[in-house]
Amino acid sequence: MTRFYRKFLASTFIGATCFAIAADRGTDITVSGWVIDSACAYTKGLDKPIGVTCAKACAKNGSPLVILRDDGTIFLPIDSNTPSSSQNSKLMPFAGEHVTVTGKDYVRNASHALVIDKITK
């Protein structure tokens, strides 16, 4: 084999390996918590929403809805498709309610993003 060909194969293998390692497939998870708007979850330090009406009003005004687990962990619902879309329409019927969600958890630097498979009261 020529020297160039060996270098090409080695760099291709290394590149493919790095790409495979970098792809996060998420972890299956079940989360119980409150559907609350993100602004209140972060700025007000609430343990649960003030109420259904408040959570829905904030969401209708553009605030992303999140899942606030009972231990205080916040999960940002995301779409697994590219381009992605807001998950508020999926969560709006549950705004201000305590729910159980199953899906895939993606963790990055202590932040949690959640691709929702199923959500129930």
N, C-alpha and C. Protein backbone atom coordinates (compact mmCIF):
# COMPACT_ATOMS: atom_id res chain seq x y z
N MET A 1 0.83 -1.18 0.00
CA MET A 1 0.00 0.00 0.00
C MET A 1 0.88 1.24 0.00
N THR A 2 0.37 2.22 -0.64
CA THR A 2 1.14 3.46 -0.66
C THR A 2 0.96 4.19 0.66
N ARG A 3 1.88 5.04 0.93
CA ARG A 3 1.86 5.83 2.16
C ARG A 3 0.60 6.71 2.21
N PHE A 4 0.28 7.33 1.11
CA PHE A 4 -0.91 8.19 1.03
C PHE A 4 -2.18 7.40 1.34
N TYR A 5 -2.30 6.22 0.77
CA TYR A 5 -3.47 5.38 0.95
C TYR A 5 -3.63 4.98 2.42
N ARG A 6 -2.54 4.63 3.09
CA ARG A 6 -2.59 4.27 4.51
C ARG A 6 -3.01 5.46 5.36
N LYS A 7 -2.48 6.64 5.05
CA LYS A 7 -2.87 7.83 5.81
C LYS A 7 -4.35 8.14 5.60
N PHE A 8 -4.81 7.98 4.38
CA PHE A 8 -6.21 8.23 4.07
C PHE A 8 -7.11 7.28 4.84
N LEU A 9 -6.78 6.00 4.85
CA LEU A 9 -7.58 5.01 5.59
C LEU A 9 -7.56 5.28 7.09
N ALA A 10 -6.42 5.63 7.61
CA ALA A 10 -6.30 5.92 9.05
C ALA A 10 -7.13 7.13 9.43
N SER A 11 -7.06 8.19 8.65
CA SER A 11 -7.84 9.39 8.98
C SER A 11 -9.33 9.15 8.83
N THR A 12 -9.72 8.35 7.84
CA THR A 12 -11.14 8.01 7.67
C THR A 12 -11.65 7.22 8.86
N PHE A 13 -10.86 6.24 9.30
CA PHE A 13 -11.25 5.43 10.45
C PHE A 13 -11.36 6.29 11.71
N ILE A 14 -10.41 7.15 11.94
CA ILE A 14 -10.43 8.01 13.13
C ILE A 14 -11.63 8.95 13.08
N GLY A 15 -11.90 9.53 11.92
CA GLY A 15 -13.05 10.42 11.77
C GLY A 15 -14.37 9.71 12.02
N ALA A 16 -14.52 8.51 11.48
CA ALA A 16 -15.75 7.74 11.66
C ALA A 16 -15.92 7.35 13.13
N THR A 17 -14.84 6.99 13.78
CA THR A 17 -14.89 6.62 15.20
C THR A 17 -15.31 7.80 16.06
N CYS A 18 -14.73 8.96 15.80
CA CYS A 18 -15.09 10.17 16.56
C CYS A 18 -16.56 10.52 16.37
N PHE A 19 -17.05 10.40 15.14
CA PHE A 19 -18.45 10.70 14.87
C PHE A 19 -19.36 9.73 15.63
N ALA A 20 -19.02 8.47 15.64
CA ALA A 20 -19.83 7.46 16.34
C ALA A 20 -19.84 7.71 17.84
N ILE A 21 -18.71 8.10 18.39
CA ILE A 21 -18.63 8.38 19.82
C ILE A 21 -19.42 9.63 20.17
N ALA A 22 -19.38 10.65 19.31
CA ALA A 22 -20.03 11.92 19.58
C ALA A 22 -21.55 11.84 19.51
N ALA A 23 -22.10 10.89 18.78
CA ALA A 23 -23.54 10.78 18.64
C ALA A 23 -24.15 10.24 19.93
N ASP A 24 -24.91 11.08 20.62
CA ASP A 24 -25.56 10.69 21.86
C ASP A 24 -26.93 10.11 21.52
N ARG A 25 -27.16 8.90 21.93
CA ARG A 25 -28.43 8.24 21.61
C ARG A 25 -29.47 8.44 22.72
N GLY A 26 -29.10 9.12 23.78
CA GLY A 26 -30.03 9.35 24.88
C GLY A 26 -30.22 8.11 25.73
N THR A 27 -30.83 8.32 26.88
CA THR A 27 -31.09 7.25 27.83
C THR A 27 -32.59 7.17 28.07
N ASP A 28 -33.15 5.97 27.98
CA ASP A 28 -34.57 5.80 28.28
C ASP A 28 -34.82 6.20 29.73
N ILE A 29 -35.90 6.97 29.94
CA ILE A 29 -36.18 7.49 31.28
C ILE A 29 -37.68 7.65 31.47
N THR A 30 -38.11 7.56 32.72
CA THR A 30 -39.47 7.92 33.11
C THR A 30 -39.34 9.01 34.17
N VAL A 31 -40.02 10.12 33.93
CA VAL A 31 -39.94 11.29 34.80
C VAL A 31 -41.33 11.65 35.29
N SER A 32 -41.46 11.92 36.59
CA SER A 32 -42.70 12.46 37.15
C SER A 32 -42.41 13.87 37.61
N GLY A 33 -43.30 14.79 37.24
CA GLY A 33 -43.10 16.18 37.63
C GLY A 33 -44.19 17.08 37.10
N TRP A 34 -43.96 18.37 37.26
CA TRP A 34 -44.93 19.39 36.89
C TRP A 34 -44.60 19.97 35.52
N VAL A 35 -45.64 20.21 34.72
CA VAL A 35 -45.48 20.95 33.47
C VAL A 35 -45.62 22.42 33.83
N ILE A 36 -44.53 23.15 33.68
CA ILE A 36 -44.46 24.54 34.11
C ILE A 36 -43.73 25.34 33.04
N ASP A 37 -44.00 26.63 32.97
CA ASP A 37 -43.27 27.42 31.98
C ASP A 37 -41.84 27.64 32.47
N SER A 38 -40.94 27.73 31.52
CA SER A 38 -39.51 27.78 31.85
C SER A 38 -39.12 29.02 32.64
N ALA A 39 -39.75 30.15 32.39
CA ALA A 39 -39.40 31.37 33.12
C ALA A 39 -39.66 31.21 34.61
N CYS A 40 -40.82 30.68 34.96
CA CYS A 40 -41.12 30.46 36.39
C CYS A 40 -40.22 29.40 36.99
N ALA A 41 -39.92 28.36 36.22
CA ALA A 41 -39.06 27.29 36.74
C ALA A 41 -37.68 27.82 37.11
N TYR A 42 -37.16 28.74 36.31
CA TYR A 42 -35.81 29.24 36.56
C TYR A 42 -35.78 30.49 37.45
N THR A 43 -36.68 31.44 37.25
CA THR A 43 -36.56 32.72 37.95
C THR A 43 -37.33 32.79 39.26
N LYS A 44 -38.37 32.01 39.41
CA LYS A 44 -39.20 32.08 40.62
C LYS A 44 -38.85 31.03 41.66
N GLY A 45 -38.10 30.00 41.26
CA GLY A 45 -37.72 28.94 42.20
C GLY A 45 -38.92 28.16 42.72
N LEU A 46 -39.93 28.00 41.88
CA LEU A 46 -41.14 27.30 42.31
C LEU A 46 -40.92 25.79 42.39
N ASP A 47 -41.65 25.14 43.29
CA ASP A 47 -41.66 23.68 43.38
C ASP A 47 -42.73 23.08 42.48
N LYS A 48 -43.73 23.91 42.14
CA LYS A 48 -44.81 23.53 41.24
C LYS A 48 -45.41 24.81 40.67
N PRO A 49 -46.19 24.70 39.60
CA PRO A 49 -46.77 25.91 39.01
C PRO A 49 -47.72 26.62 39.96
N ILE A 50 -47.88 27.91 39.74
CA ILE A 50 -48.85 28.69 40.53
C ILE A 50 -50.25 28.18 40.24
N GLY A 51 -50.50 27.81 38.99
CA GLY A 51 -51.79 27.29 38.60
C GLY A 51 -51.83 26.96 37.13
N VAL A 52 -52.87 26.28 36.72
CA VAL A 52 -53.05 25.88 35.33
C VAL A 52 -53.16 27.11 34.43
N THR A 53 -53.98 28.07 34.84
CA THR A 53 -54.21 29.28 34.03
C THR A 53 -52.91 30.04 33.80
N CYS A 54 -52.12 30.17 34.82
CA CYS A 54 -50.84 30.90 34.72
C CYS A 54 -49.88 30.18 33.77
N ALA A 55 -49.75 28.87 33.94
CA ALA A 55 -48.85 28.09 33.08
C ALA A 55 -49.27 28.17 31.62
N LYS A 56 -50.58 28.08 31.36
CA LYS A 56 -51.07 28.15 29.98
C LYS A 56 -50.89 29.55 29.40
N ALA A 57 -51.11 30.58 30.20
CA ALA A 57 -50.94 31.95 29.72
C ALA A 57 -49.49 32.21 29.33
N CYS A 58 -48.56 31.77 30.14
CA CYS A 58 -47.14 31.96 29.82
C CYS A 58 -46.76 31.20 28.56
N ALA A 59 -47.26 29.98 28.43
CA ALA A 59 -46.95 29.17 27.24
C ALA A 59 -47.53 29.81 25.98
N LYS A 60 -48.77 30.31 26.07
CA LYS A 60 -49.39 30.98 24.92
C LYS A 60 -48.63 32.25 24.55
N ASN A 61 -47.96 32.83 25.53
CA ASN A 61 -47.18 34.04 25.29
C ASN A 61 -45.78 33.74 24.76
N GLY A 62 -45.44 32.45 24.62
CA GLY A 62 -44.17 32.06 24.02
C GLY A 62 -43.15 31.42 24.93
N SER A 63 -43.43 31.34 26.22
CA SER A 63 -42.49 30.71 27.14
C SER A 63 -42.52 29.20 26.94
N PRO A 64 -41.36 28.57 26.73
CA PRO A 64 -41.34 27.11 26.56
C PRO A 64 -41.77 26.40 27.84
N LEU A 65 -42.59 25.38 27.70
CA LEU A 65 -42.97 24.56 28.84
C LEU A 65 -41.88 23.54 29.11
N VAL A 66 -41.63 23.26 30.37
CA VAL A 66 -40.62 22.30 30.79
C VAL A 66 -41.25 21.34 31.79
N ILE A 67 -40.54 20.27 32.09
CA ILE A 67 -40.95 19.34 33.14
C ILE A 67 -40.07 19.60 34.36
N LEU A 68 -40.70 19.95 35.47
CA LEU A 68 -39.99 20.19 36.73
C LEU A 68 -40.20 18.97 37.61
N ARG A 69 -39.14 18.14 37.69
CA ARG A 69 -39.23 16.92 38.48
C ARG A 69 -39.34 17.28 39.96
N ASP A 70 -39.90 16.38 40.75
CA ASP A 70 -40.12 16.63 42.17
C ASP A 70 -38.84 16.96 42.93
N ASP A 71 -37.69 16.49 42.44
CA ASP A 71 -36.42 16.79 43.11
C ASP A 71 -35.81 18.12 42.63
N GLY A 72 -36.52 18.84 41.76
CA GLY A 72 -36.04 20.14 41.28
C GLY A 72 -35.33 20.11 39.94
N THR A 73 -35.05 18.93 39.40
CA THR A 73 -34.40 18.82 38.10
C THR A 73 -35.36 19.29 37.01
N ILE A 74 -34.86 20.09 36.09
CA ILE A 74 -35.66 20.63 35.00
C ILE A 74 -35.30 19.90 33.71
N PHE A 75 -36.32 19.42 33.00
CA PHE A 75 -36.15 18.75 31.72
C PHE A 75 -36.76 19.62 30.63
N LEU A 76 -35.95 19.98 29.64
CA LEU A 76 -36.41 20.77 28.51
C LEU A 76 -36.87 19.83 27.42
N PRO A 77 -38.16 19.79 27.12
CA PRO A 77 -38.65 18.93 26.05
C PRO A 77 -38.13 19.41 24.69
N ILE A 78 -37.61 18.47 23.91
CA ILE A 78 -37.08 18.79 22.58
C ILE A 78 -37.65 17.83 21.55
N ASP A 79 -37.50 18.22 20.30
CA ASP A 79 -37.91 17.39 19.17
C ASP A 79 -36.68 16.66 18.68
N SER A 80 -36.83 15.40 18.32
CA SER A 80 -35.67 14.64 17.83
C SER A 80 -35.45 14.84 16.34
N ASN A 81 -36.37 15.52 15.66
CA ASN A 81 -36.23 15.77 14.22
C ASN A 81 -35.41 17.02 13.95
N THR A 82 -34.83 17.07 12.76
CA THR A 82 -34.13 18.26 12.31
C THR A 82 -34.73 18.68 10.99
N PRO A 83 -35.22 19.89 10.83
CA PRO A 83 -35.27 20.93 11.86
C PRO A 83 -36.28 20.57 12.95
N SER A 84 -35.96 21.00 14.15
CA SER A 84 -36.82 20.66 15.28
C SER A 84 -37.95 21.68 15.42
N SER A 85 -38.91 21.34 16.27
CA SER A 85 -40.03 22.24 16.51
C SER A 85 -40.34 22.29 18.00
N SER A 86 -41.08 23.31 18.38
CA SER A 86 -41.48 23.50 19.77
C SER A 86 -42.32 22.32 20.24
N GLN A 87 -42.19 21.97 21.50
CA GLN A 87 -42.97 20.89 22.08
C GLN A 87 -44.15 21.41 22.90
N ASN A 88 -44.36 22.74 22.89
CA ASN A 88 -45.45 23.32 23.67
C ASN A 88 -46.82 22.75 23.30
N SER A 89 -47.05 22.48 22.02
CA SER A 89 -48.36 21.96 21.62
C SER A 89 -48.61 20.58 22.24
N LYS A 90 -47.57 19.79 22.39
CA LYS A 90 -47.68 18.46 23.01
C LYS A 90 -47.92 18.57 24.52
N LEU A 91 -47.38 19.62 25.14
CA LEU A 91 -47.46 19.78 26.59
C LEU A 91 -48.63 20.65 27.05
N MET A 92 -49.16 21.48 26.16
CA MET A 92 -50.21 22.44 26.55
C MET A 92 -51.41 21.79 27.26
N PRO A 93 -51.90 20.62 26.82
CA PRO A 93 -53.02 20.02 27.56
C PRO A 93 -52.68 19.66 29.00
N PHE A 94 -51.41 19.61 29.34
CA PHE A 94 -50.96 19.22 30.68
C PHE A 94 -50.37 20.39 31.46
N ALA A 95 -50.40 21.61 30.92
CA ALA A 95 -49.79 22.77 31.58
C ALA A 95 -50.36 22.95 32.98
N GLY A 96 -49.48 23.10 33.94
CA GLY A 96 -49.88 23.27 35.33
C GLY A 96 -50.24 21.98 36.05
N GLU A 97 -50.12 20.86 35.37
CA GLU A 97 -50.50 19.56 35.94
C GLU A 97 -49.27 18.73 36.29
N HIS A 98 -49.47 17.77 37.19
CA HIS A 98 -48.42 16.79 37.53
C HIS A 98 -48.57 15.62 36.57
N VAL A 99 -47.47 15.24 35.90
CA VAL A 99 -47.51 14.22 34.85
C VAL A 99 -46.40 13.19 35.03
N THR A 100 -46.54 12.11 34.28
CA THR A 100 -45.47 11.13 34.14
C THR A 100 -45.12 11.07 32.66
N VAL A 101 -43.84 11.20 32.37
CA VAL A 101 -43.36 11.26 30.99
C VAL A 101 -42.33 10.16 30.78
N THR A 102 -42.47 9.45 29.67
CA THR A 102 -41.42 8.51 29.27
C THR A 102 -40.82 9.03 27.98
N GLY A 103 -39.52 8.80 27.83
CA GLY A 103 -38.83 9.27 26.64
C GLY A 103 -37.34 9.05 26.75
N LYS A 104 -36.60 9.85 26.00
CA LYS A 104 -35.14 9.77 25.98
C LYS A 104 -34.57 11.03 26.62
N ASP A 105 -33.68 10.84 27.58
CA ASP A 105 -33.01 11.92 28.29
C ASP A 105 -31.64 12.15 27.66
N TYR A 106 -31.36 13.39 27.31
CA TYR A 106 -30.06 13.79 26.78
C TYR A 106 -29.44 14.76 27.78
N VAL A 107 -28.29 14.41 28.33
CA VAL A 107 -27.64 15.22 29.35
C VAL A 107 -26.39 15.86 28.75
N ARG A 108 -26.27 17.15 28.98
CA ARG A 108 -25.07 17.87 28.55
C ARG A 108 -24.76 18.93 29.60
N ASN A 109 -23.60 18.81 30.22
CA ASN A 109 -23.16 19.76 31.24
C ASN A 109 -24.24 20.00 32.29
N ALA A 110 -24.83 18.95 32.80
CA ALA A 110 -25.85 18.96 33.86
C ALA A 110 -27.21 19.48 33.40
N SER A 111 -27.38 19.79 32.11
CA SER A 111 -28.69 20.15 31.57
C SER A 111 -29.36 18.90 31.02
N HIS A 112 -30.68 18.83 31.18
CA HIS A 112 -31.44 17.68 30.70
C HIS A 112 -32.40 18.11 29.60
N ALA A 113 -32.35 17.43 28.48
CA ALA A 113 -33.32 17.61 27.40
C ALA A 113 -34.05 16.29 27.25
N LEU A 114 -35.33 16.35 26.95
CA LEU A 114 -36.16 15.17 26.95
C LEU A 114 -36.97 15.07 25.66
N VAL A 115 -36.76 13.99 24.91
CA VAL A 115 -37.60 13.68 23.75
C VAL A 115 -38.74 12.83 24.29
N ILE A 116 -39.96 13.36 24.22
CA ILE A 116 -41.13 12.72 24.82
C ILE A 116 -41.67 11.63 23.91
N ASP A 117 -41.83 10.43 24.48
CA ASP A 117 -42.52 9.34 23.80
C ASP A 117 -43.98 9.29 24.23
N LYS A 118 -44.20 9.44 25.56
CA LYS A 118 -45.55 9.34 26.11
C LYS A 118 -45.67 10.24 27.32
N ILE A 119 -46.82 10.88 27.45
CA ILE A 119 -47.08 11.74 28.61
C ILE A 119 -48.48 11.46 29.12
N THR A 120 -48.61 11.24 30.45
CA THR A 120 -49.90 10.96 31.08
C THR A 120 -50.01 11.72 32.38
N LYS A 121 -51.28 11.98 32.79
CA LYS A 121 -51.53 12.61 34.09
C LYS A 121 -51.32 11.60 35.19
